[in-house]
Amino acid sequence: MADEEGAAVPPLMPSPDPFRIAVLGATGCMGQHICAAFTAEGSEVLAIARRHAPRVAAHRFRSLDVAGSTSEELARVLAEENIDVVVNATLGWGDELNYTNVQLVERLVGTLALMRTPPRLVHLGTIHEYGPVPFGTSIHEDTAPAPTHPYAKAKLTASRMVLDAVRNGTLDGVVLRVANTLGPHPALESFFGSLAVRLRGVEAAAGIGLTIADAQRDYVDVRDAVDAVVRAARVTRADPLVNIGCGQAMGVRRLVSELVMAAGLPAETIREQRGEVHSRGADWIQVDTSRAARLLGWRPRFTIGESMRAMWETVDADQSLPARHFG
């Protein structure tokens, strides 16, 4: 096995015992699923976020601004709680682009370096860190990152901090570069999450005018992505970088059709129109998942149809949508 720069690394070392898990960004789209998954496998979860939310009511919660705290403060919290694994599921857009995506990770890496017995770190990156690749390319972990979008650049900076710390022995950790997600309780900032909410409130006869990216991208069910997180928490001193996706690029138009079918609406409910598409993604994204299969024993389980049905069943027409969404 080798890391992003080709250095040899020790083999997979799974542990069967329950963990004490701290989930940063616990109230977010991924965070809430991660908390539930670790609880379901018998681990004790500490949900950490700046503000409490009903979606983490079933878990022990601690209010903490990780990016705004000192390394000493955060180290004290993790030590008091006897945390075995920290999962960083935070992300930020707009004004918080660097505060949440970069400053928080810098503080977290510094914190773990201070601790006598630091927890393992599972950091959620994004497949967009690689930037655009040639059509037909499957993105491997050794694909050279060249992002163009500010969000992807910020996430790449954070992932590199974690990878550098793992390589120099400062911490035990892994970066999962995850494709866009589908499935239950979607992020309303996402293209398909916002579309599902709009479809909930639409009259079929009226329809929805929609600008659709002329793109093919890899989408993975959020439940599959979270399964990879749980598995990565139990793999010590293995390759520190793993890509997670369904392994297939799919046309965005086809995915829109799948959501419309899941909603039980006629195809003509969507009226495609010209316009600008605000997107963090390249026109072609297809993830090579061979390392995830080899190291984590991980493969995606849910079909696109199952993901879209789960998404449809967990959104409401009265959910408030953000002013801007991303594809």
Protein backbone atom coordinates (compact mmCIF):
# COMPACT_ATOMS: atom_id res chain seq x y z
CA MET A 1 0.00 0.00 0.00
CA ALA A 2 1.07 3.60 -0.54
CA ASP A 3 -0.09 7.05 0.42
CA GLU A 4 -0.76 10.02 -1.90
CA GLU A 5 2.96 10.45 -2.54
CA GLY A 6 3.78 6.75 -2.87
CA ALA A 7 5.24 6.10 0.60
CA ALA A 8 4.73 2.61 2.02
CA VAL A 9 2.22 2.31 4.87
CA PRO A 10 1.38 -0.49 7.32
CA PRO A 11 -1.65 -2.75 6.74
CA LEU A 12 -5.26 -2.46 7.83
CA MET A 13 -5.81 -3.10 11.56
CA PRO A 14 -9.54 -3.31 12.39
CA SER A 15 -10.86 -3.18 15.95
CA PRO A 16 -14.14 -4.87 16.99
CA ASP A 17 -14.67 -2.87 20.19
CA PRO A 18 -17.15 0.01 20.69
CA PHE A 19 -15.62 3.48 20.53
CA ARG A 20 -16.22 6.86 22.11
CA ILE A 21 -16.79 9.08 19.09
CA ALA A 22 -16.78 12.88 18.83
CA VAL A 23 -18.58 14.10 15.70
CA LEU A 24 -17.74 17.68 14.75
CA GLY A 25 -20.45 19.29 12.64
CA ALA A 26 -22.94 16.86 14.15
CA THR A 27 -26.01 18.91 13.19
CA GLY A 28 -25.14 18.98 9.49
CA CYS A 29 -26.42 16.73 6.73
CA MET A 30 -23.58 14.21 7.04
CA GLY A 31 -23.06 14.73 10.76
CA GLN A 32 -26.54 13.63 11.79
CA HIS A 33 -26.21 10.39 9.80
CA ILE A 34 -22.74 9.72 11.22
CA CYS A 35 -24.00 10.13 14.80
CA ALA A 36 -26.85 7.70 14.15
CA ALA A 37 -24.60 5.11 12.47
CA PHE A 38 -22.05 4.99 15.28
CA THR A 39 -24.81 4.79 17.89
CA ALA A 40 -26.41 1.91 15.96
CA GLU A 41 -23.15 -0.08 16.09
CA GLY A 42 -22.90 0.37 19.87
CA SER A 43 -20.41 3.22 20.13
CA GLU A 44 -20.94 6.20 22.44
CA VAL A 45 -21.37 9.43 20.49
CA LEU A 46 -20.67 13.00 21.56
CA ALA A 47 -22.30 15.40 19.09
CA ILE A 48 -20.37 18.68 18.81
CA ALA A 49 -21.59 21.80 17.01
CA ARG A 50 -21.98 25.49 17.69
CA ARG A 51 -25.74 25.24 18.14
CA HIS A 52 -28.03 22.42 19.16
CA ALA A 53 -30.59 21.11 16.67
CA PRO A 54 -33.48 18.63 17.03
CA ARG A 55 -31.79 16.22 14.62
CA VAL A 56 -29.19 15.33 17.31
CA ALA A 57 -31.64 15.18 20.21
CA ALA A 58 -30.99 11.46 20.64
CA HIS A 59 -27.27 12.02 21.26
CA ARG A 60 -25.26 13.63 24.01
CA PHE A 61 -24.48 17.15 22.82
CA ARG A 62 -21.77 19.69 23.56
CA SER A 63 -21.89 23.24 22.21
CA LEU A 64 -18.45 24.26 20.98
CA ASP A 65 -17.07 26.52 18.27
CA VAL A 66 -14.06 24.42 17.35
CA ALA A 67 -12.55 26.96 14.96
CA GLY A 68 -12.91 29.72 17.55
CA SER A 69 -11.60 27.74 20.51
CA THR A 70 -7.97 27.32 21.53
CA SER A 71 -6.12 24.06 20.98
CA GLU A 72 -5.83 23.70 24.75
CA GLU A 73 -9.60 24.07 25.22
CA LEU A 74 -10.40 21.51 22.57
CA ALA A 75 -7.78 19.08 23.86
CA ARG A 76 -9.29 19.34 27.33
CA VAL A 77 -12.76 18.48 26.00
CA LEU A 78 -11.52 15.46 24.07
CA ALA A 79 -9.48 14.22 27.02
CA GLU A 80 -12.33 14.70 29.51
CA GLU A 81 -14.61 12.69 27.25
CA ASN A 82 -12.01 9.93 26.66
CA ILE A 83 -12.61 10.22 22.91
CA ASP A 84 -11.18 7.41 20.75
CA VAL A 85 -12.11 8.82 17.33
CA VAL A 86 -12.89 12.33 16.08
CA VAL A 87 -14.93 12.62 12.90
CA ASN A 88 -14.74 16.02 11.23
CA ALA A 89 -17.95 16.43 9.25
CA THR A 90 -17.94 20.24 9.24
CA LEU A 91 -18.09 22.36 6.12
CA GLY A 92 -18.80 25.97 5.27
CA TRP A 93 -19.66 28.16 2.33
CA GLY A 94 -19.67 31.89 1.70
CA ASP A 95 -18.31 34.00 4.56
CA GLU A 96 -17.33 30.86 6.50
CA LEU A 97 -15.39 29.28 3.65
CA ASN A 98 -12.00 29.52 5.32
CA TYR A 99 -13.15 29.77 8.94
CA THR A 100 -14.90 26.40 8.91
CA ASN A 101 -13.01 24.53 6.20
CA VAL A 102 -9.45 25.65 6.96
CA GLN A 103 -9.11 27.38 10.33
CA LEU A 104 -11.10 24.67 12.11
CA VAL A 105 -8.93 21.89 10.68
CA GLU A 106 -5.76 23.80 11.53
CA ARG A 107 -7.01 24.10 15.13
CA LEU A 108 -8.00 20.43 15.21
CA VAL A 109 -4.65 19.14 13.92
CA GLY A 110 -2.84 21.38 16.41
CA THR A 111 -5.05 20.07 19.20
CA LEU A 112 -4.36 16.43 18.47
CA ALA A 113 -0.61 17.13 18.36
CA LEU A 114 -0.83 18.40 21.95
CA MET A 115 -2.50 15.29 23.33
CA ARG A 116 -0.54 12.48 24.97
CA THR A 117 -2.83 9.86 23.40
CA PRO A 118 -4.56 11.61 20.52
CA PRO A 119 -7.79 10.16 19.07
CA ARG A 120 -7.84 8.85 15.52
CA LEU A 121 -9.12 11.47 13.07
CA VAL A 122 -11.51 10.76 10.21
CA HIS A 123 -11.67 13.91 8.10
CA LEU A 124 -14.33 14.33 5.43
CA GLY A 125 -12.91 15.94 2.35
CA THR A 126 -14.60 16.19 -1.04
CA ILE A 127 -13.99 14.63 -4.42
CA HIS A 128 -14.08 18.19 -5.80
CA GLU A 129 -10.59 18.67 -4.35
CA TYR A 130 -9.25 17.00 -7.50
CA GLY A 131 -10.81 19.62 -9.76
CA PRO A 132 -11.72 18.99 -13.42
CA VAL A 133 -10.35 15.83 -15.03
CA PRO A 134 -10.56 14.63 -18.66
CA PHE A 135 -13.85 13.08 -19.74
CA GLY A 136 -13.86 9.34 -19.10
CA THR A 137 -11.24 9.48 -16.32
CA SER A 138 -11.78 7.60 -13.08
CA ILE A 139 -10.38 9.64 -10.20
CA HIS A 140 -7.74 7.69 -8.25
CA GLU A 141 -6.17 8.77 -4.98
CA ASP A 142 -2.95 9.50 -6.90
CA THR A 143 -4.73 11.88 -9.29
CA ALA A 144 -3.02 15.26 -8.91
CA PRO A 145 -5.44 17.75 -7.27
CA ALA A 146 -6.04 20.93 -9.30
CA PRO A 147 -9.30 22.49 -8.05
CA THR A 148 -10.64 25.72 -9.52
CA HIS A 149 -13.59 26.50 -7.20
CA PRO A 150 -12.86 28.40 -3.93
CA TYR A 151 -14.76 25.80 -1.89
CA ALA A 152 -12.72 22.94 -3.34
CA LYS A 153 -9.48 24.86 -2.84
CA ALA A 154 -10.31 25.44 0.82
CA LYS A 155 -11.19 21.79 1.34
CA LEU A 156 -7.95 20.71 -0.36
CA THR A 157 -5.93 22.96 1.96
CA ALA A 158 -7.59 21.30 4.95
CA SER A 159 -7.13 17.76 3.64
CA ARG A 160 -3.46 18.39 2.98
CA MET A 161 -2.97 19.56 6.57
CA VAL A 162 -4.37 16.26 7.80
CA LEU A 163 -2.39 14.16 5.31
CA ASP A 164 0.85 15.96 6.16
CA ALA A 165 0.29 15.39 9.88
CA VAL A 166 -0.34 11.67 9.26
CA ARG A 167 2.79 11.33 7.15
CA ASN A 168 5.03 13.00 9.70
CA GLY A 169 3.59 10.89 12.52
CA THR A 170 1.84 13.71 14.36
CA LEU A 171 -1.51 11.92 14.27
CA ASP A 172 -3.29 8.76 13.17
CA GLY A 173 -5.93 9.70 10.65
CA VAL A 174 -7.55 9.31 7.27
CA VAL A 175 -9.08 11.65 4.72
CA LEU A 176 -12.17 10.44 2.88
CA ARG A 177 -12.75 12.41 -0.32
CA VAL A 178 -16.47 11.91 -0.75
CA ALA A 179 -18.56 12.45 -3.88
CA ASN A 180 -21.81 14.43 -3.79
CA THR A 181 -24.45 12.60 -1.76
CA LEU A 182 -28.07 11.63 -2.32
CA GLY A 183 -30.53 9.93 -0.01
CA PRO A 184 -32.50 10.72 3.15
CA HIS A 185 -32.51 14.17 4.78
CA PRO A 186 -30.52 15.92 2.04
CA ALA A 187 -28.67 19.20 2.38
CA LEU A 188 -31.08 21.87 1.15
CA GLU A 189 -28.14 23.78 -0.36
CA SER A 190 -27.67 20.91 -2.79
CA PHE A 191 -29.23 20.82 -6.23
CA PHE A 192 -31.22 17.64 -5.63
CA GLY A 193 -32.17 18.48 -2.05
CA SER A 194 -33.65 21.81 -3.10
CA LEU A 195 -35.32 20.24 -6.14
CA ALA A 196 -36.98 17.58 -3.97
CA VAL A 197 -38.46 20.29 -1.73
CA ARG A 198 -39.71 22.23 -4.76
CA LEU A 199 -41.31 19.11 -6.21
CA ARG A 200 -43.14 18.53 -2.92
CA GLY A 201 -44.93 21.82 -3.36
CA VAL A 202 -45.53 21.85 -7.10
CA GLU A 203 -48.76 21.21 -8.98
CA ALA A 204 -47.92 18.74 -11.73
CA ALA A 205 -49.81 20.81 -14.28
CA ALA A 206 -47.80 23.93 -13.41
CA GLY A 207 -44.43 22.19 -13.42
CA ILE A 208 -41.02 23.59 -12.58
CA GLY A 209 -38.69 25.51 -14.86
CA LEU A 210 -35.20 24.15 -14.24
CA THR A 211 -31.70 24.79 -15.53
CA ILE A 212 -29.83 21.49 -15.68
CA ALA A 213 -26.07 21.19 -15.95
CA ASP A 214 -24.86 19.37 -19.05
CA ALA A 215 -22.69 17.17 -16.88
CA GLN A 216 -22.06 13.59 -15.74
CA ARG A 217 -21.16 13.13 -12.10
CA ASP A 218 -20.68 10.50 -9.43
CA TYR A 219 -23.26 10.55 -6.63
CA VAL A 220 -23.21 8.26 -3.61
CA ASP A 221 -25.98 7.54 -1.13
CA VAL A 222 -25.32 9.31 2.16
CA ARG A 223 -25.90 6.02 4.01
CA ASP A 224 -23.13 4.39 1.99
CA ALA A 225 -20.81 7.35 2.61
CA VAL A 226 -21.47 7.10 6.35
CA ASP A 227 -20.76 3.36 6.26
CA ALA A 228 -17.33 4.26 4.86
CA VAL A 229 -16.80 6.70 7.76
CA VAL A 230 -17.62 4.01 10.33
CA ARG A 231 -15.26 1.55 8.64
CA ALA A 232 -12.48 4.15 8.38
CA ALA A 233 -12.72 4.79 12.12
CA ARG A 234 -11.60 1.20 12.66
CA VAL A 235 -8.63 1.19 10.29
CA THR A 236 -5.36 2.30 11.89
CA ARG A 237 -2.12 3.14 10.10
CA ALA A 238 -3.37 2.32 6.62
CA ASP A 239 -3.42 4.52 3.51
CA PRO A 240 -4.43 7.97 4.79
CA LEU A 241 -6.42 8.91 1.69
CA VAL A 242 -9.48 7.08 0.36
CA ASN A 243 -11.98 8.14 -2.33
CA ILE A 244 -15.67 7.39 -1.80
CA GLY A 245 -18.29 7.39 -4.58
CA CYS A 246 -20.61 5.04 -6.40
CA GLY A 247 -17.96 4.48 -9.08
CA GLN A 248 -20.10 5.61 -12.01
CA ALA A 249 -20.63 8.97 -13.68
CA MET A 250 -24.31 9.61 -14.35
CA GLY A 251 -25.94 12.33 -16.40
CA VAL A 252 -27.58 15.04 -14.30
CA ARG A 253 -30.67 14.89 -16.56
CA ARG A 254 -31.04 11.19 -15.85
CA LEU A 255 -30.76 11.86 -12.11
CA VAL A 256 -33.44 14.55 -12.34
CA SER A 257 -35.69 12.03 -14.09
CA GLU A 258 -35.03 9.48 -11.33
CA LEU A 259 -36.14 12.00 -8.69
CA VAL A 260 -39.27 12.91 -10.64
CA MET A 261 -40.13 9.19 -10.92
CA ALA A 262 -39.53 8.71 -7.19
CA ALA A 263 -41.96 11.56 -6.57
CA GLY A 264 -44.60 9.83 -8.71
CA LEU A 265 -44.87 12.86 -10.99
CA PRO A 266 -45.04 12.89 -14.79
CA ALA A 267 -41.81 13.55 -16.68
CA GLU A 268 -43.20 16.81 -18.08
CA THR A 269 -43.27 18.26 -14.55
CA ILE A 270 -39.75 19.50 -15.30
CA ARG A 271 -39.44 22.14 -18.02
CA GLU A 272 -35.78 22.54 -18.87
CA GLN A 273 -34.67 26.12 -19.48
CA ARG A 274 -31.47 27.93 -20.35
CA GLY A 275 -29.49 29.69 -17.66
CA GLU A 276 -26.36 29.71 -15.51
CA VAL A 277 -25.71 26.72 -13.27
CA HIS A 278 -23.93 27.50 -9.97
CA SER A 279 -21.87 24.43 -9.26
CA ARG A 280 -18.90 23.24 -7.20
CA GLY A 281 -18.53 20.27 -9.54
CA ALA A 282 -16.75 19.59 -12.80
CA ASP A 283 -18.62 18.40 -15.87
CA TRP A 284 -17.25 14.87 -15.46
CA ILE A 285 -16.74 13.11 -12.12
CA GLN A 286 -16.27 9.37 -11.75
CA VAL A 287 -14.62 7.93 -8.65
CA ASP A 288 -12.29 4.96 -8.58
CA THR A 289 -13.36 3.07 -5.43
CA SER A 290 -10.85 0.21 -5.56
CA ARG A 291 -8.86 1.44 -2.55
CA ALA A 292 -12.04 1.77 -0.48
CA ALA A 293 -12.95 -1.81 -1.38
CA ARG A 294 -9.48 -3.11 -0.60
CA LEU A 295 -8.80 -1.26 2.66
CA LEU A 296 -12.27 -0.79 4.13
CA GLY A 297 -14.13 -3.71 2.62
CA TRP A 298 -16.52 -1.03 1.40
CA ARG A 299 -18.84 -0.98 -1.60
CA PRO A 300 -21.93 1.10 -2.30
CA ARG A 301 -25.18 -0.75 -1.56
CA PHE A 302 -27.98 1.62 -2.54
CA THR A 303 -29.22 2.15 -6.09
CA ILE A 304 -29.99 5.58 -7.47
CA GLY A 305 -33.70 4.77 -7.38
CA GLU A 306 -33.47 3.83 -3.69
CA SER A 307 -31.54 7.00 -2.93
CA MET A 308 -34.08 9.20 -4.68
CA ARG A 309 -37.02 7.51 -2.96
CA ALA A 310 -35.39 8.00 0.43
CA MET A 311 -34.74 11.64 -0.40
CA TRP A 312 -38.33 12.18 -1.51
CA GLU A 313 -39.71 10.57 1.66
CA THR A 314 -37.67 12.82 3.98
CA VAL A 315 -38.33 16.31 2.61
CA ASP A 316 -41.32 18.60 3.14
CA ALA A 317 -42.78 21.31 0.96
CA ASP A 318 -42.60 23.84 3.80
CA GLN A 319 -38.83 23.48 4.37
CA SER A 320 -37.08 26.82 3.89
CA LEU A 321 -34.66 26.78 1.00
CA PRO A 322 -31.44 28.84 0.94
CA ALA A 323 -31.25 31.69 -1.54
CA ARG A 324 -28.72 29.81 -3.65
CA HIS A 325 -28.12 26.14 -4.26
CA PHE A 326 -25.27 24.25 -5.87
CA GLY A 327 -25.16 21.36 -8.29
